[in-house]
Amino acid sequence: MALSTRSNERSRFDYRIQGPTETISEYNVALHAMALHCNFADTLTTRLRDCLVSGLRSETIRKSLYTKKELTYKDALDTALAIELASKEATPSTPSNVSTHYSGSKATPQPQLQQQSRNGKGRRRFPAKQPRSTPQSFHESACLRTVRGSCLSCGSNKHARVDCPLKDAVCDGCSKKGHIKPVCMSGTSRPPQPARAHHVQQQIPFLPSSVLFQ
């Protein structure tokens, strides 16, 4: 293969990013197909890792991978696929057959208490107020949600929070670590930013591996 042709193929590989409707698995297959014409030799896995991470469409996944030390290509791919799956499971769905009419029984009115006065006439007295229950702490509420099958990091019912691949993710809404935007409980979540009209290759510039993984 001519040097100029190889350089062109490597340039195309370096600037390849995940498409708008492309899954991470499809994106990874495309990178492997392009790498066949680049002759990376011993640096193949390193180049695959760098291009995979820098070209991911999700900023949440990229940030999560950038925080890991000694990240290998396999670790990057496995983590990205796990977060993608958890994000899909956390997407809220609207029930299709929810009734808006209340069909429960009406509340039974409580009888009024009467207190007999000395002259024989009755006098109304309202029932004593019930003591308010002590509100659960945030920690207790979080534990209950986990036990009931709602992971606080991603909202999935497939695992507990301690096993969630998104437990170290950075939220796109509040910029805090430990959850993703669909399950964010912060009142300071930022509104979604309007889509940019720039070319897709200009959104995520290629960064060499020496900068990404120092």
N, C-alpha and C. Protein backbone atom coordinates (compact mmCIF):
# COMPACT_ATOMS: atom_id res chain seq x y z
N MET A 1 0.84 -1.19 0.00
CA MET A 1 0.00 0.00 0.00
C MET A 1 0.88 1.25 0.00
N ALA A 2 0.57 2.20 -0.87
CA ALA A 2 1.34 3.43 -0.96
C ALA A 2 1.24 4.22 0.33
N LEU A 3 2.31 4.99 0.60
CA LEU A 3 2.36 5.77 1.84
C LEU A 3 1.22 6.79 1.91
N SER A 4 0.94 7.46 0.80
CA SER A 4 -0.12 8.47 0.79
C SER A 4 -1.49 7.84 1.04
N THR A 5 -1.71 6.65 0.48
CA THR A 5 -2.98 5.96 0.69
C THR A 5 -3.14 5.55 2.15
N ARG A 6 -2.06 5.03 2.75
CA ARG A 6 -2.10 4.64 4.15
C ARG A 6 -2.35 5.85 5.05
N SER A 7 -1.74 6.96 4.72
CA SER A 7 -1.94 8.17 5.52
C SER A 7 -3.38 8.64 5.44
N ASN A 8 -3.97 8.55 4.27
CA ASN A 8 -5.37 8.94 4.12
C ASN A 8 -6.29 8.03 4.92
N GLU A 9 -6.02 6.73 4.90
CA GLU A 9 -6.84 5.78 5.65
C GLU A 9 -6.71 6.03 7.15
N ARG A 10 -5.51 6.32 7.61
CA ARG A 10 -5.32 6.59 9.04
C ARG A 10 -6.00 7.90 9.44
N SER A 11 -5.97 8.87 8.55
CA SER A 11 -6.64 10.14 8.85
C SER A 11 -8.15 9.94 8.95
N ARG A 12 -8.71 9.15 8.05
CA ARG A 12 -10.14 8.84 8.12
C ARG A 12 -10.47 8.09 9.39
N PHE A 13 -9.60 7.17 9.80
CA PHE A 13 -9.81 6.41 11.02
C PHE A 13 -9.79 7.34 12.24
N ASP A 14 -8.81 8.23 12.29
CA ASP A 14 -8.66 9.12 13.45
C ASP A 14 -9.86 10.04 13.63
N TYR A 15 -10.49 10.45 12.54
CA TYR A 15 -11.61 11.38 12.62
C TYR A 15 -12.97 10.70 12.58
N ARG A 16 -12.97 9.38 12.66
CA ARG A 16 -14.25 8.64 12.67
C ARG A 16 -14.91 8.79 14.04
N ILE A 17 -16.17 9.21 14.06
CA ILE A 17 -16.92 9.34 15.31
C ILE A 17 -18.22 8.57 15.19
N GLN A 18 -18.85 8.33 16.33
CA GLN A 18 -20.10 7.59 16.37
C GLN A 18 -21.23 8.40 15.73
N GLY A 19 -21.98 7.76 14.84
CA GLY A 19 -23.07 8.44 14.15
C GLY A 19 -24.26 8.72 15.05
N PRO A 20 -25.18 9.58 14.62
CA PRO A 20 -26.33 9.96 15.45
C PRO A 20 -27.22 8.79 15.84
N THR A 21 -27.37 7.80 14.97
CA THR A 21 -28.22 6.64 15.27
C THR A 21 -27.41 5.36 15.40
N GLU A 22 -26.12 5.47 15.46
CA GLU A 22 -25.23 4.30 15.50
C GLU A 22 -25.02 3.86 16.94
N THR A 23 -25.20 2.56 17.20
CA THR A 23 -24.92 2.04 18.53
C THR A 23 -23.41 1.91 18.73
N ILE A 24 -23.00 1.74 19.98
CA ILE A 24 -21.58 1.59 20.26
C ILE A 24 -21.02 0.32 19.63
N SER A 25 -21.82 -0.74 19.62
CA SER A 25 -21.38 -1.99 19.00
C SER A 25 -21.16 -1.80 17.50
N GLU A 26 -22.07 -1.09 16.83
CA GLU A 26 -21.92 -0.83 15.40
C GLU A 26 -20.72 0.08 15.13
N TYR A 27 -20.54 1.05 16.00
CA TYR A 27 -19.40 1.97 15.87
C TYR A 27 -18.09 1.21 16.01
N ASN A 28 -18.02 0.27 16.93
CA ASN A 28 -16.81 -0.51 17.15
C ASN A 28 -16.49 -1.39 15.93
N VAL A 29 -17.53 -2.00 15.35
CA VAL A 29 -17.33 -2.83 14.16
C VAL A 29 -16.79 -1.98 13.00
N ALA A 30 -17.31 -0.77 12.86
CA ALA A 30 -16.85 0.12 11.79
C ALA A 30 -15.38 0.50 11.97
N LEU A 31 -14.97 0.73 13.22
CA LEU A 31 -13.57 1.06 13.49
C LEU A 31 -12.64 -0.10 13.12
N HIS A 32 -13.06 -1.32 13.43
CA HIS A 32 -12.25 -2.49 13.08
C HIS A 32 -12.11 -2.61 11.56
N ALA A 33 -13.20 -2.37 10.84
CA ALA A 33 -13.15 -2.47 9.38
C ALA A 33 -12.20 -1.42 8.79
N MET A 34 -12.21 -0.22 9.34
CA MET A 34 -11.33 0.84 8.84
C MET A 34 -9.88 0.56 9.21
N ALA A 35 -9.65 -0.06 10.38
CA ALA A 35 -8.29 -0.32 10.83
C ALA A 35 -7.56 -1.33 9.96
N LEU A 36 -8.32 -2.16 9.24
CA LEU A 36 -7.69 -3.16 8.37
C LEU A 36 -6.84 -2.51 7.28
N HIS A 37 -7.17 -1.29 6.90
CA HIS A 37 -6.44 -0.61 5.82
C HIS A 37 -5.39 0.38 6.35
N CYS A 38 -5.20 0.39 7.67
CA CYS A 38 -4.28 1.37 8.26
C CYS A 38 -2.93 0.78 8.65
N ASN A 39 -2.84 -0.55 8.75
CA ASN A 39 -1.59 -1.21 9.10
C ASN A 39 -0.99 -0.65 10.40
N PHE A 40 -1.80 -0.69 11.47
CA PHE A 40 -1.33 -0.18 12.76
C PHE A 40 -0.36 -1.14 13.45
N ALA A 41 -0.39 -2.40 13.05
CA ALA A 41 0.52 -3.41 13.61
C ALA A 41 0.37 -3.51 15.13
N ASP A 42 1.48 -3.31 15.87
CA ASP A 42 1.47 -3.50 17.32
C ASP A 42 0.66 -2.43 18.06
N THR A 43 0.36 -1.34 17.42
CA THR A 43 -0.38 -0.25 18.08
C THR A 43 -1.88 -0.32 17.80
N LEU A 44 -2.36 -1.43 17.25
CA LEU A 44 -3.77 -1.53 16.85
C LEU A 44 -4.72 -1.30 18.03
N THR A 45 -4.52 -2.04 19.14
CA THR A 45 -5.46 -1.92 20.26
C THR A 45 -5.43 -0.52 20.88
N THR A 46 -4.24 0.08 20.90
CA THR A 46 -4.14 1.44 21.45
C THR A 46 -4.89 2.44 20.57
N ARG A 47 -4.74 2.30 19.26
CA ARG A 47 -5.44 3.22 18.35
C ARG A 47 -6.94 2.99 18.39
N LEU A 48 -7.36 1.73 18.51
CA LEU A 48 -8.78 1.44 18.62
C LEU A 48 -9.36 2.05 19.89
N ARG A 49 -8.63 1.92 21.01
CA ARG A 49 -9.10 2.50 22.27
C ARG A 49 -9.25 4.01 22.17
N ASP A 50 -8.22 4.67 21.64
CA ASP A 50 -8.23 6.13 21.57
C ASP A 50 -9.37 6.65 20.69
N CYS A 51 -9.54 6.03 19.53
CA CYS A 51 -10.58 6.49 18.62
C CYS A 51 -11.97 6.15 19.15
N LEU A 52 -12.10 4.98 19.79
CA LEU A 52 -13.38 4.59 20.37
C LEU A 52 -13.84 5.60 21.42
N VAL A 53 -12.95 5.94 22.35
CA VAL A 53 -13.31 6.83 23.45
C VAL A 53 -13.56 8.25 22.96
N SER A 54 -12.65 8.79 22.15
CA SER A 54 -12.78 10.19 21.72
C SER A 54 -13.94 10.39 20.76
N GLY A 55 -14.37 9.33 20.08
CA GLY A 55 -15.45 9.48 19.10
C GLY A 55 -16.83 9.12 19.62
N LEU A 56 -16.95 8.76 20.90
CA LEU A 56 -18.26 8.40 21.43
C LEU A 56 -19.20 9.60 21.42
N ARG A 57 -20.45 9.36 21.09
CA ARG A 57 -21.44 10.42 21.02
C ARG A 57 -21.84 10.93 22.41
N SER A 58 -21.88 10.05 23.40
CA SER A 58 -22.33 10.41 24.75
C SER A 58 -21.20 11.06 25.55
N GLU A 59 -21.44 12.28 25.99
CA GLU A 59 -20.45 12.96 26.82
C GLU A 59 -20.33 12.29 28.19
N THR A 60 -21.43 11.75 28.69
CA THR A 60 -21.42 11.06 29.98
C THR A 60 -20.48 9.86 29.95
N ILE A 61 -20.54 9.07 28.88
CA ILE A 61 -19.68 7.89 28.78
C ILE A 61 -18.23 8.31 28.61
N ARG A 62 -17.98 9.33 27.79
CA ARG A 62 -16.60 9.79 27.60
C ARG A 62 -15.99 10.24 28.92
N LYS A 63 -16.73 11.05 29.69
CA LYS A 63 -16.21 11.52 30.97
C LYS A 63 -15.93 10.37 31.92
N SER A 64 -16.81 9.37 31.91
CA SER A 64 -16.61 8.21 32.78
C SER A 64 -15.34 7.45 32.40
N LEU A 65 -15.06 7.32 31.11
CA LEU A 65 -13.87 6.59 30.67
C LEU A 65 -12.60 7.40 30.90
N TYR A 66 -12.67 8.72 30.77
CA TYR A 66 -11.49 9.55 30.97
C TYR A 66 -11.00 9.51 32.42
N THR A 67 -11.89 9.21 33.37
CA THR A 67 -11.50 9.18 34.78
C THR A 67 -10.80 7.88 35.18
N LYS A 68 -10.84 6.87 34.31
CA LYS A 68 -10.24 5.58 34.63
C LYS A 68 -8.74 5.59 34.30
N LYS A 69 -7.96 4.99 35.18
CA LYS A 69 -6.52 4.89 34.98
C LYS A 69 -6.18 3.56 34.31
N GLU A 70 -5.16 3.59 33.48
CA GLU A 70 -4.68 2.39 32.77
C GLU A 70 -5.84 1.71 32.04
N LEU A 71 -6.59 2.48 31.29
CA LEU A 71 -7.74 1.97 30.56
C LEU A 71 -7.28 1.21 29.31
N THR A 72 -7.71 -0.03 29.19
CA THR A 72 -7.40 -0.83 28.01
C THR A 72 -8.55 -0.72 27.01
N TYR A 73 -8.29 -1.20 25.80
CA TYR A 73 -9.34 -1.17 24.78
C TYR A 73 -10.54 -2.01 25.20
N LYS A 74 -10.28 -3.20 25.75
CA LYS A 74 -11.37 -4.08 26.17
C LYS A 74 -12.18 -3.45 27.30
N ASP A 75 -11.49 -2.86 28.28
CA ASP A 75 -12.20 -2.21 29.39
C ASP A 75 -13.05 -1.05 28.88
N ALA A 76 -12.51 -0.28 27.95
CA ALA A 76 -13.25 0.86 27.41
C ALA A 76 -14.51 0.41 26.69
N LEU A 77 -14.38 -0.65 25.88
CA LEU A 77 -15.53 -1.15 25.14
C LEU A 77 -16.58 -1.74 26.07
N ASP A 78 -16.15 -2.57 27.03
CA ASP A 78 -17.10 -3.20 27.96
C ASP A 78 -17.84 -2.15 28.79
N THR A 79 -17.10 -1.15 29.29
CA THR A 79 -17.72 -0.11 30.11
C THR A 79 -18.71 0.72 29.29
N ALA A 80 -18.32 1.07 28.09
CA ALA A 80 -19.20 1.88 27.23
C ALA A 80 -20.49 1.13 26.90
N LEU A 81 -20.38 -0.16 26.59
CA LEU A 81 -21.56 -0.96 26.28
C LEU A 81 -22.47 -1.09 27.50
N ALA A 82 -21.88 -1.27 28.69
CA ALA A 82 -22.67 -1.40 29.91
C ALA A 82 -23.43 -0.12 30.23
N ILE A 83 -22.76 1.03 30.08
CA ILE A 83 -23.42 2.31 30.36
C ILE A 83 -24.51 2.58 29.34
N GLU A 84 -24.25 2.24 28.08
CA GLU A 84 -25.27 2.43 27.04
C GLU A 84 -26.51 1.61 27.36
N LEU A 85 -26.33 0.37 27.79
CA LEU A 85 -27.46 -0.49 28.13
C LEU A 85 -28.22 0.05 29.34
N ALA A 86 -27.48 0.48 30.36
CA ALA A 86 -28.12 1.02 31.56
C ALA A 86 -28.89 2.29 31.25
N SER A 87 -28.38 3.11 30.36
CA SER A 87 -29.07 4.35 29.99
C SER A 87 -30.38 4.05 29.27
N LYS A 88 -30.38 3.01 28.43
CA LYS A 88 -31.62 2.63 27.74
C LYS A 88 -32.65 2.12 28.73
N GLU A 89 -32.21 1.34 29.73
CA GLU A 89 -33.14 0.82 30.72
C GLU A 89 -33.70 1.92 31.61
N ALA A 90 -32.93 3.00 31.78
CA ALA A 90 -33.37 4.09 32.65
C ALA A 90 -34.29 5.06 31.96
N THR A 91 -34.47 4.95 30.65
CA THR A 91 -35.34 5.87 29.92
C THR A 91 -36.78 5.64 30.35
N PRO A 92 -37.48 6.67 30.88
CA PRO A 92 -38.85 6.48 31.37
C PRO A 92 -39.80 6.19 30.23
N SER A 93 -40.75 5.30 30.50
CA SER A 93 -41.78 4.96 29.52
C SER A 93 -43.15 5.28 30.07
N THR A 94 -44.07 5.71 29.22
CA THR A 94 -45.41 6.09 29.64
C THR A 94 -46.35 4.90 29.50
N PRO A 95 -47.05 4.47 30.59
CA PRO A 95 -47.98 3.35 30.48
C PRO A 95 -49.09 3.68 29.48
N SER A 96 -49.49 2.67 28.69
CA SER A 96 -50.48 2.90 27.64
C SER A 96 -51.91 2.74 28.10
N ASN A 97 -52.14 2.06 29.23
CA ASN A 97 -53.51 1.77 29.64
C ASN A 97 -53.79 2.27 31.05
N VAL A 98 -53.27 3.42 31.39
CA VAL A 98 -53.50 3.97 32.72
C VAL A 98 -54.82 4.72 32.72
N SER A 99 -55.71 4.39 33.65
CA SER A 99 -57.01 5.06 33.75
C SER A 99 -56.88 6.33 34.56
N THR A 100 -57.56 7.39 34.09
CA THR A 100 -57.51 8.67 34.80
C THR A 100 -58.69 8.85 35.74
N HIS A 101 -59.59 7.85 35.82
CA HIS A 101 -60.76 7.94 36.68
C HIS A 101 -60.48 7.22 37.99
N TYR A 102 -60.91 7.83 39.07
CA TYR A 102 -60.73 7.23 40.39
C TYR A 102 -61.85 6.25 40.65
N SER A 103 -61.52 5.01 40.95
CA SER A 103 -62.53 3.98 41.15
C SER A 103 -62.54 3.45 42.57
N GLY A 104 -61.79 4.04 43.45
CA GLY A 104 -61.75 3.57 44.83
C GLY A 104 -62.98 3.98 45.60
N SER A 105 -63.16 3.39 46.76
CA SER A 105 -64.31 3.72 47.60
C SER A 105 -64.10 5.05 48.29
N LYS A 106 -65.19 5.73 48.56
CA LYS A 106 -65.11 7.01 49.23
C LYS A 106 -64.69 6.83 50.68
N ALA A 107 -64.03 7.83 51.18
CA ALA A 107 -63.58 7.77 52.57
C ALA A 107 -64.77 7.87 53.50
N THR A 108 -64.78 7.03 54.53
CA THR A 108 -65.86 7.04 55.50
C THR A 108 -65.65 8.16 56.49
N PRO A 109 -66.64 9.08 56.62
CA PRO A 109 -66.46 10.19 57.56
C PRO A 109 -66.36 9.70 58.99
N GLN A 110 -65.47 10.31 59.75
CA GLN A 110 -65.30 9.92 61.14
C GLN A 110 -66.42 10.52 61.99
N PRO A 111 -66.98 9.77 62.92
CA PRO A 111 -68.05 10.31 63.78
C PRO A 111 -67.51 11.41 64.68
N GLN A 112 -68.33 12.41 64.87
CA GLN A 112 -67.96 13.50 65.75
C GLN A 112 -68.16 13.07 67.21
N LEU A 113 -67.21 13.47 68.01
CA LEU A 113 -67.28 13.15 69.43
C LEU A 113 -68.07 14.22 70.16
N GLN A 114 -68.75 13.82 71.13
CA GLN A 114 -69.53 14.75 71.93
C GLN A 114 -69.12 14.65 73.39
N GLN A 115 -69.15 15.77 74.02
CA GLN A 115 -68.83 15.82 75.44
C GLN A 115 -70.06 16.37 76.18
N GLN A 116 -70.56 15.63 77.11
CA GLN A 116 -71.76 16.01 77.84
C GLN A 116 -71.42 17.05 78.90
N SER A 117 -72.11 18.18 78.80
CA SER A 117 -71.89 19.23 79.80
C SER A 117 -72.75 18.97 81.03
N ARG A 118 -72.56 19.78 82.04
CA ARG A 118 -73.29 19.58 83.29
C ARG A 118 -74.79 19.81 83.12
N ASN A 119 -75.17 20.71 82.21
CA ASN A 119 -76.58 21.00 82.03
C ASN A 119 -77.25 20.04 81.06
N GLY A 120 -76.52 19.02 80.58
CA GLY A 120 -77.12 17.99 79.75
C GLY A 120 -77.05 18.25 78.27
N LYS A 121 -76.57 19.43 77.86
CA LYS A 121 -76.48 19.73 76.44
C LYS A 121 -75.14 19.23 75.87
N GLY A 122 -75.25 18.73 74.66
CA GLY A 122 -74.03 18.23 74.02
C GLY A 122 -73.21 19.35 73.42
N ARG A 123 -71.92 19.15 73.39
CA ARG A 123 -71.02 20.13 72.80
C ARG A 123 -70.04 19.40 71.89
N ARG A 124 -69.87 19.94 70.67
CA ARG A 124 -69.00 19.28 69.69
C ARG A 124 -67.54 19.33 70.11
N ARG A 125 -66.88 18.29 69.78
CA ARG A 125 -65.43 18.29 69.94
C ARG A 125 -64.84 17.45 68.81
N PHE A 126 -63.93 18.05 68.06
CA PHE A 126 -63.33 17.35 66.92
C PHE A 126 -62.33 16.30 67.41
N PRO A 127 -62.19 15.25 66.65
CA PRO A 127 -61.23 14.20 67.05
C PRO A 127 -59.82 14.76 67.16
N ALA A 128 -59.07 14.18 68.07
CA ALA A 128 -57.69 14.62 68.27
C ALA A 128 -56.86 14.32 67.03
N LYS A 129 -55.96 15.24 66.71
CA LYS A 129 -55.10 15.07 65.54
C LYS A 129 -54.12 13.93 65.77
N GLN A 130 -53.92 13.16 64.72
CA GLN A 130 -52.95 12.08 64.79
C GLN A 130 -51.54 12.63 64.69
N PRO A 131 -50.61 12.11 65.45
CA PRO A 131 -49.22 12.60 65.37
C PRO A 131 -48.64 12.32 63.99
N ARG A 132 -47.91 13.30 63.50
CA ARG A 132 -47.28 13.14 62.19
C ARG A 132 -46.14 12.13 62.27
N SER A 133 -46.07 11.34 61.22
CA SER A 133 -44.97 10.37 61.18
C SER A 133 -43.67 11.08 60.84
N THR A 134 -42.63 10.60 61.43
CA THR A 134 -41.32 11.21 61.19
C THR A 134 -40.88 10.92 59.76
N PRO A 135 -40.52 11.93 58.98
CA PRO A 135 -40.10 11.68 57.59
C PRO A 135 -38.82 10.87 57.55
N GLN A 136 -38.74 10.03 56.55
CA GLN A 136 -37.53 9.22 56.39
C GLN A 136 -36.36 10.09 55.97
N SER A 137 -35.22 9.72 56.42
CA SER A 137 -34.02 10.43 55.99
C SER A 137 -33.73 10.09 54.54
N PHE A 138 -32.88 10.91 53.92
CA PHE A 138 -32.53 10.67 52.51
C PHE A 138 -31.86 9.32 52.35
N HIS A 139 -31.04 8.94 53.33
CA HIS A 139 -30.34 7.66 53.24
C HIS A 139 -31.33 6.50 53.29
N GLU A 140 -32.33 6.57 54.21
CA GLU A 140 -33.31 5.50 54.31
C GLU A 140 -34.13 5.40 53.04
N SER A 141 -34.51 6.58 52.49
CA SER A 141 -35.28 6.58 51.25
C SER A 141 -34.48 5.96 50.12
N ALA A 142 -33.20 6.29 50.05
CA ALA A 142 -32.34 5.74 49.00
C ALA A 142 -32.23 4.23 49.13
N CYS A 143 -32.11 3.74 50.37
CA CYS A 143 -32.02 2.30 50.59
C CYS A 143 -33.30 1.60 50.14
N LEU A 144 -34.47 2.19 50.49
CA LEU A 144 -35.73 1.60 50.10
C LEU A 144 -35.88 1.54 48.59
N ARG A 145 -35.46 2.61 47.92
CA ARG A 145 -35.56 2.63 46.46
C ARG A 145 -34.70 1.54 45.84
N THR A 146 -33.52 1.32 46.42
CA THR A 146 -32.64 0.28 45.89
C THR A 146 -33.25 -1.09 46.12
N VAL A 147 -33.82 -1.32 47.34
CA VAL A 147 -34.41 -2.61 47.65
C VAL A 147 -35.61 -2.87 46.74
N ARG A 148 -36.40 -1.82 46.46
CA ARG A 148 -37.58 -1.99 45.63
C ARG A 148 -37.23 -2.13 44.15
N GLY A 149 -35.98 -2.02 43.77
CA GLY A 149 -35.58 -2.27 42.40
C GLY A 149 -35.37 -1.04 41.55
N SER A 150 -35.11 0.11 42.17
CA SER A 150 -34.87 1.32 41.38
C SER A 150 -33.48 1.84 41.71
N CYS A 151 -32.52 1.60 40.84
CA CYS A 151 -31.14 2.03 41.06
C CYS A 151 -31.07 3.55 40.98
N LEU A 152 -30.46 4.19 41.98
CA LEU A 152 -30.38 5.65 42.02
C LEU A 152 -29.40 6.21 41.00
N SER A 153 -28.52 5.39 40.47
CA SER A 153 -27.56 5.90 39.50
C SER A 153 -28.12 5.93 38.09
N CYS A 154 -28.95 4.92 37.73
CA CYS A 154 -29.47 4.87 36.36
C CYS A 154 -30.96 4.60 36.27
N GLY A 155 -31.61 4.19 37.39
CA GLY A 155 -33.03 3.93 37.37
C GLY A 155 -33.40 2.51 36.97
N SER A 156 -32.41 1.67 36.70
CA SER A 156 -32.69 0.31 36.26
C SER A 156 -33.15 -0.55 37.43
N ASN A 157 -33.96 -1.58 37.12
CA ASN A 157 -34.38 -2.54 38.13
C ASN A 157 -33.65 -3.87 37.98
N LYS A 158 -32.54 -3.83 37.23
CA LYS A 158 -31.78 -5.06 36.98
C LYS A 158 -30.65 -5.26 37.98
N HIS A 159 -30.30 -4.23 38.75
CA HIS A 159 -29.16 -4.35 39.65
C HIS A 159 -29.27 -3.32 40.77
N ALA A 160 -28.44 -3.51 41.80
CA ALA A 160 -28.35 -2.53 42.89
C ALA A 160 -27.38 -1.42 42.49
N ARG A 161 -27.43 -0.33 43.24
CA ARG A 161 -26.60 0.82 42.88
C ARG A 161 -25.11 0.49 42.95
N VAL A 162 -24.72 -0.36 43.93
CA VAL A 162 -23.30 -0.68 44.09
C VAL A 162 -22.75 -1.43 42.89
N ASP A 163 -23.63 -2.10 42.12
CA ASP A 163 -23.19 -2.85 40.94
C ASP A 163 -23.44 -2.09 39.64
N CYS A 164 -23.91 -0.85 39.73
CA CYS A 164 -24.28 -0.10 38.53
C CYS A 164 -23.03 0.43 37.81
N PRO A 165 -22.94 0.25 36.50
CA PRO A 165 -21.79 0.80 35.76
C PRO A 165 -21.80 2.31 35.70
N LEU A 166 -22.92 2.94 36.10
CA LEU A 166 -23.03 4.40 36.06
C LEU A 166 -22.83 5.05 37.42
N LYS A 167 -22.38 4.27 38.42
CA LYS A 167 -22.27 4.85 39.76
C LYS A 167 -21.19 5.93 39.84
N ASP A 168 -20.25 5.94 38.89
CA ASP A 168 -19.21 6.97 38.86
C ASP A 168 -19.42 7.96 37.71
N ALA A 169 -20.55 7.88 37.02
CA ALA A 169 -20.80 8.77 35.88
C ALA A 169 -21.09 10.19 36.36
N VAL A 170 -20.84 11.15 35.49
CA VAL A 170 -21.09 12.56 35.79
C VAL A 170 -22.38 12.99 35.09
N CYS A 171 -23.32 13.53 35.85
CA CYS A 171 -24.63 13.91 35.32
C CYS A 171 -24.51 15.10 34.37
N ASP A 172 -25.17 15.00 33.21
CA ASP A 172 -25.19 16.11 32.26
C ASP A 172 -26.07 17.26 32.73
N GLY A 173 -26.96 16.99 33.71
CA GLY A 173 -27.86 18.03 34.17
C GLY A 173 -27.29 18.88 35.29
N CYS A 174 -26.80 18.23 36.37
CA CYS A 174 -26.30 18.97 37.53
C CYS A 174 -24.79 18.92 37.67
N SER A 175 -24.11 18.17 36.80
CA SER A 175 -22.64 18.04 36.79
C SER A 175 -22.11 17.35 38.04
N LYS A 176 -22.97 16.64 38.77
CA LYS A 176 -22.52 15.90 39.94
C LYS A 176 -22.24 14.45 39.56
N LYS A 177 -21.37 13.82 40.34
CA LYS A 177 -20.94 12.46 40.06
C LYS A 177 -21.86 11.47 40.78
N GLY A 178 -22.17 10.35 40.12
CA GLY A 178 -22.91 9.29 40.78
C GLY A 178 -24.22 8.92 40.11
N HIS A 179 -24.64 9.63 39.07
CA HIS A 179 -25.89 9.31 38.39
C HIS A 179 -25.91 9.97 37.02
N ILE A 180 -26.98 9.64 36.25
CA ILE A 180 -27.15 10.25 34.93
C ILE A 180 -28.38 11.14 34.94
N LYS A 181 -28.55 11.94 33.89
CA LYS A 181 -29.58 12.98 33.86
C LYS A 181 -31.01 12.44 33.97
N PRO A 182 -31.39 11.27 33.35
CA PRO A 182 -32.78 10.82 33.45
C PRO A 182 -33.25 10.56 34.87
N VAL A 183 -32.34 10.29 35.83
CA VAL A 183 -32.75 10.04 37.21
C VAL A 183 -32.27 11.15 38.14
N CYS A 184 -31.84 12.27 37.60
CA CYS A 184 -31.31 13.37 38.42
C CYS A 184 -32.43 13.95 39.28
N MET A 185 -32.18 14.10 40.59
CA MET A 185 -33.16 14.65 41.52
C MET A 185 -32.81 16.07 41.93
N SER A 186 -31.81 16.66 41.30
CA SER A 186 -31.41 18.02 41.63
C SER A 186 -32.32 19.02 40.94
N GLY A 187 -32.63 20.09 41.61
CA GLY A 187 -33.46 21.13 41.04
C GLY A 187 -32.70 22.09 40.18
N THR A 188 -31.38 21.87 40.07
CA THR A 188 -30.55 22.80 39.30
C THR A 188 -30.13 22.23 37.97
N SER A 189 -30.86 21.19 37.49
CA SER A 189 -30.49 20.58 36.21
C SER A 189 -30.62 21.60 35.10
N ARG A 190 -29.65 21.63 34.25
CA ARG A 190 -29.65 22.58 33.16
C ARG A 190 -30.60 22.12 32.07
N PRO A 191 -31.31 23.05 31.38
CA PRO A 191 -32.17 22.66 30.26
C PRO A 191 -31.35 22.15 29.11
N PRO A 192 -31.94 21.27 28.30
CA PRO A 192 -31.16 20.72 27.17
C PRO A 192 -30.72 21.81 26.22
N GLN A 193 -29.48 21.71 25.75
CA GLN A 193 -28.91 22.68 24.84
C GLN A 193 -29.41 22.42 23.43
N PRO A 194 -29.67 23.45 22.63
CA PRO A 194 -30.11 23.23 21.25
C PRO A 194 -29.03 22.58 20.42
N ALA A 195 -29.46 21.78 19.48
CA ALA A 195 -28.50 21.05 18.64
C ALA A 195 -27.73 22.02 17.77
N ARG A 196 -26.44 21.76 17.61
CA ARG A 196 -25.60 22.60 16.78
C ARG A 196 -25.71 22.18 15.33
N ALA A 197 -25.53 23.14 14.47
CA ALA A 197 -25.65 22.87 13.04
C ALA A 197 -24.31 22.61 12.39
N HIS A 198 -23.25 22.52 13.19
CA HIS A 198 -21.93 22.27 12.62
C HIS A 198 -21.84 20.85 12.11
N HIS A 199 -20.85 20.63 11.28
CA HIS A 199 -20.61 19.29 10.76
C HIS A 199 -20.24 18.37 11.90
N VAL A 200 -20.68 17.10 11.83
CA VAL A 200 -20.49 16.18 12.94
C VAL A 200 -19.03 15.97 13.26
N GLN A 201 -18.13 16.12 12.29
CA GLN A 201 -16.73 15.91 12.56
C GLN A 201 -16.12 17.06 13.35
N GLN A 202 -16.84 18.20 13.45
CA GLN A 202 -16.29 19.34 14.18
C GLN A 202 -16.69 19.33 15.64
N GLN A 203 -17.60 18.44 16.04
CA GLN A 203 -18.07 18.43 17.42
C GLN A 203 -17.04 17.85 18.37
N ILE A 204 -16.33 16.83 17.95
CA ILE A 204 -15.37 16.16 18.83
C ILE A 204 -14.05 16.09 18.11
N PRO A 205 -13.17 17.05 18.31
CA PRO A 205 -11.87 17.01 17.62
C PRO A 205 -11.04 15.84 18.08
N PHE A 206 -10.26 15.33 17.19
CA PHE A 206 -9.40 14.20 17.54
C PHE A 206 -8.29 14.66 18.47
N LEU A 207 -8.11 13.89 19.52
CA LEU A 207 -7.02 14.16 20.46
C LEU A 207 -6.08 12.98 20.44
N PRO A 208 -4.79 13.19 20.35
CA PRO A 208 -3.84 12.07 20.34
C PRO A 208 -3.85 11.34 21.66
N SER A 209 -3.43 10.09 21.64
CA SER A 209 -3.45 9.27 22.84
C SER A 209 -2.55 9.83 23.92
N SER A 210 -1.51 10.57 23.55
CA SER A 210 -0.63 11.14 24.57
C SER A 210 -1.34 12.18 25.42
N VAL A 211 -2.42 12.77 24.88
CA VAL A 211 -3.18 13.77 25.64
C VAL A 211 -4.30 13.11 26.42
N LEU A 212 -4.96 12.12 25.78
CA LEU A 212 -6.10 11.49 26.43
C LEU A 212 -5.70 10.62 27.60
N PHE A 213 -4.63 9.87 27.48
CA PHE A 213 -4.28 8.89 28.51
C PHE A 213 -2.84 9.12 28.95
N GLN A 214 -2.62 10.16 29.69
CA GLN A 214 -1.28 10.44 30.23
C GLN A 214 -1.10 9.71 31.55
